[in-house]
N, C-alpha and C. Protein backbone atom coordinates (compact mmCIF):
# COMPACT_ATOMS: atom_id res chain seq x y z
N MET A 1 126.67 111.89 68.51
CA MET A 1 125.97 110.77 68.20
C MET A 1 124.67 110.59 69.22
N THR A 2 123.38 110.82 69.04
CA THR A 2 122.35 110.49 69.80
C THR A 2 122.36 109.02 70.12
N ARG A 3 122.32 108.83 71.39
CA ARG A 3 121.71 107.35 71.78
C ARG A 3 120.28 107.08 71.68
N ARG A 4 119.75 106.09 71.38
CA ARG A 4 118.57 105.67 71.54
C ARG A 4 118.13 105.15 73.16
N ILE A 5 117.15 105.77 73.70
CA ILE A 5 116.89 105.39 74.90
C ILE A 5 115.72 104.39 74.94
N VAL A 6 115.81 103.56 75.85
CA VAL A 6 114.90 102.35 75.89
C VAL A 6 114.36 102.31 77.30
N PHE A 7 112.90 102.21 77.16
CA PHE A 7 112.25 102.28 78.69
C PHE A 7 111.50 101.04 78.84
N ARG A 8 111.62 100.47 80.20
CA ARG A 8 110.82 99.16 80.26
C ARG A 8 109.44 99.29 80.17
N PRO A 9 108.26 98.43 79.49
CA PRO A 9 107.18 98.70 79.47
C PRO A 9 106.57 99.02 80.91
N GLN A 10 107.15 98.70 81.87
CA GLN A 10 106.25 99.22 82.78
C GLN A 10 106.46 100.62 83.30
N ALA A 11 107.29 101.20 82.80
CA ALA A 11 107.57 102.54 82.83
C ALA A 11 106.27 103.69 82.33
N ALA A 12 105.70 103.14 81.52
CA ALA A 12 104.65 104.01 80.69
C ALA A 12 103.59 103.96 81.76
N THR A 13 103.40 102.92 82.49
CA THR A 13 102.62 102.80 83.77
C THR A 13 102.96 103.91 85.30
N GLU A 14 103.98 103.69 85.31
CA GLU A 14 105.03 104.33 86.47
C GLU A 14 104.39 105.77 85.98
N LEU A 15 104.82 106.20 85.01
CA LEU A 15 105.01 107.29 84.37
C LEU A 15 103.79 108.25 84.49
N ALA A 16 102.72 107.53 84.03
CA ALA A 16 101.34 108.04 84.23
C ALA A 16 101.02 108.19 85.54
N GLU A 17 101.14 107.44 86.33
CA GLU A 17 100.73 107.24 87.85
C GLU A 17 101.65 108.50 88.64
N ALA A 18 103.03 108.71 88.08
CA ALA A 18 103.78 109.89 88.75
C ALA A 18 103.41 111.05 88.15
N VAL A 19 102.77 111.29 87.05
CA VAL A 19 102.39 112.47 86.63
C VAL A 19 101.05 112.75 87.39
N ASP A 20 100.14 111.89 87.59
CA ASP A 20 98.73 111.88 88.17
C ASP A 20 99.08 112.43 89.63
N TRP A 21 100.11 111.96 90.42
CA TRP A 21 100.14 112.13 91.74
C TRP A 21 101.05 113.75 91.92
N TYR A 22 101.62 113.79 90.84
CA TYR A 22 102.17 115.43 90.96
C TYR A 22 101.01 116.29 90.89
N GLU A 23 100.42 115.92 89.86
CA GLU A 23 99.51 116.81 89.52
C GLU A 23 98.08 117.10 90.67
N ALA A 24 98.05 115.99 91.27
CA ALA A 24 96.75 116.03 92.58
C ALA A 24 97.21 116.79 93.46
N ARG A 25 98.85 116.98 93.61
CA ARG A 25 99.26 117.97 94.50
C ARG A 25 99.50 119.41 94.27
N GLY A 26 99.50 119.84 92.93
CA GLY A 26 99.54 121.01 92.35
C GLY A 26 99.10 121.07 91.06
N GLN A 27 98.43 121.90 90.22
CA GLN A 27 98.30 122.07 89.28
C GLN A 27 99.44 122.62 88.52
N GLY A 28 99.72 121.60 87.50
CA GLY A 28 101.09 122.02 86.75
C GLY A 28 102.33 121.36 87.04
N LEU A 29 102.11 120.77 88.14
CA LEU A 29 103.36 119.75 88.74
C LEU A 29 103.67 118.71 87.88
N GLY A 30 102.47 118.03 87.37
CA GLY A 30 102.69 116.96 86.47
C GLY A 30 103.43 117.50 85.20
N ALA A 31 102.87 118.31 84.62
CA ALA A 31 104.08 118.99 83.74
C ALA A 31 105.28 119.16 84.04
N GLU A 32 105.43 119.93 84.97
CA GLU A 32 107.07 119.85 85.61
C GLU A 32 107.72 118.58 85.77
N PHE A 33 107.01 117.82 86.07
CA PHE A 33 107.46 116.25 86.27
C PHE A 33 108.22 116.08 84.87
N LEU A 34 107.29 116.22 83.91
CA LEU A 34 107.52 115.41 82.60
C LEU A 34 108.57 116.24 81.65
N ARG A 35 108.57 117.57 82.01
CA ARG A 35 109.76 118.48 81.62
C ARG A 35 111.01 118.02 82.27
N SER A 36 111.25 118.04 83.59
CA SER A 36 112.20 117.29 84.46
C SER A 36 112.49 116.09 83.71
N LEU A 37 111.83 115.18 83.48
CA LEU A 37 112.26 113.79 82.80
C LEU A 37 112.65 113.98 81.28
N ASP A 38 112.08 115.03 80.69
CA ASP A 38 112.78 115.19 79.14
C ASP A 38 114.07 115.47 79.42
N ALA A 39 114.60 116.46 80.25
CA ALA A 39 115.77 117.21 80.19
C ALA A 39 116.73 116.09 80.59
N VAL A 40 116.46 115.23 81.58
CA VAL A 40 117.01 114.30 81.99
C VAL A 40 117.62 113.13 80.87
N VAL A 41 116.38 112.94 80.26
CA VAL A 41 116.47 111.71 78.72
C VAL A 41 117.39 112.79 78.28
N ALA A 42 117.41 113.62 77.32
CA ALA A 42 118.25 114.68 76.84
C ALA A 42 119.76 114.67 77.12
N HIS A 43 119.77 114.64 78.39
CA HIS A 43 121.22 114.70 78.93
C HIS A 43 121.84 113.12 78.52
N LEU A 44 121.13 112.64 79.39
CA LEU A 44 121.60 110.97 79.09
C LEU A 44 121.93 110.51 77.61
N GLN A 45 121.14 111.20 76.66
CA GLN A 45 121.46 110.77 75.30
C GLN A 45 122.91 111.53 74.84
N ARG A 46 122.98 112.63 75.15
CA ARG A 46 124.15 113.28 74.98
C ARG A 46 125.47 112.95 75.71
N ASN A 47 125.22 112.56 77.20
CA ASN A 47 126.50 111.83 78.02
C ASN A 47 126.26 110.75 78.80
N PRO A 48 126.04 109.58 78.22
CA PRO A 48 125.54 108.56 78.63
C PRO A 48 126.51 108.06 79.95
N THR A 49 127.80 108.35 79.50
CA THR A 49 128.94 107.58 80.63
C THR A 49 128.73 108.21 81.82
N LEU A 50 128.34 109.24 81.89
CA LEU A 50 128.12 110.26 83.39
C LEU A 50 127.11 109.55 84.06
N TYR A 51 126.23 108.63 83.78
CA TYR A 51 125.22 107.59 84.54
C TYR A 51 125.91 106.38 85.03
N PRO A 52 125.74 106.00 85.89
CA PRO A 52 126.11 104.65 86.11
C PRO A 52 125.30 103.39 85.72
N ILE A 53 126.14 102.20 85.35
CA ILE A 53 125.55 101.21 84.76
C ILE A 53 125.01 100.56 85.62
N VAL A 54 123.81 99.75 85.55
CA VAL A 54 123.14 99.11 86.98
C VAL A 54 122.93 97.72 86.51
N PHE A 55 122.89 97.21 85.06
CA PHE A 55 122.83 95.88 84.82
C PHE A 55 122.94 95.86 83.27
N GLY A 56 123.79 94.85 83.23
CA GLY A 56 124.26 94.81 81.66
C GLY A 56 125.04 96.08 81.27
N ASN A 57 124.33 96.59 79.95
CA ASN A 57 124.56 97.70 79.53
C ASN A 57 123.42 98.78 79.76
N ALA A 58 122.54 98.56 80.85
CA ALA A 58 121.57 99.67 81.13
C ALA A 58 122.10 100.31 82.33
N ARG A 59 121.78 101.71 82.49
CA ARG A 59 122.19 102.70 82.82
C ARG A 59 121.25 103.25 83.74
N ARG A 60 121.24 104.20 85.00
CA ARG A 60 120.01 104.83 85.61
C ARG A 60 120.62 106.01 85.56
N ALA A 61 119.33 107.17 85.23
CA ALA A 61 119.38 108.10 85.68
C ALA A 61 118.49 108.90 86.71
N VAL A 62 118.88 109.23 87.61
CA VAL A 62 117.39 109.90 88.90
C VAL A 62 117.28 111.16 88.64
N LEU A 63 115.84 111.40 88.81
CA LEU A 63 115.03 112.92 88.52
C LEU A 63 115.67 113.51 89.95
N ARG A 64 115.72 114.64 89.77
CA ARG A 64 115.51 115.67 91.12
C ARG A 64 114.15 115.80 91.52
C-alpha cells in the first residue's frame, strides 16, 4: 500500500531555494538534489515506520 506524502506549504519555497542554491554551486547539482528527494519520498512511502514520528503522525526523513 502506497502512503500519501503531504508537504507543508512552506516546503515548495524552501525546495526551490535549495535547488537554486545547489545549482549555483555546480551545474546539475539542483537536479541531483531533486533525484535524492524523490528517492527518499519513494522510500518513505514504502517504509514509513522506518522514519521517526516528530509530531502527531508526522514523520521526518532527512536527505543525505
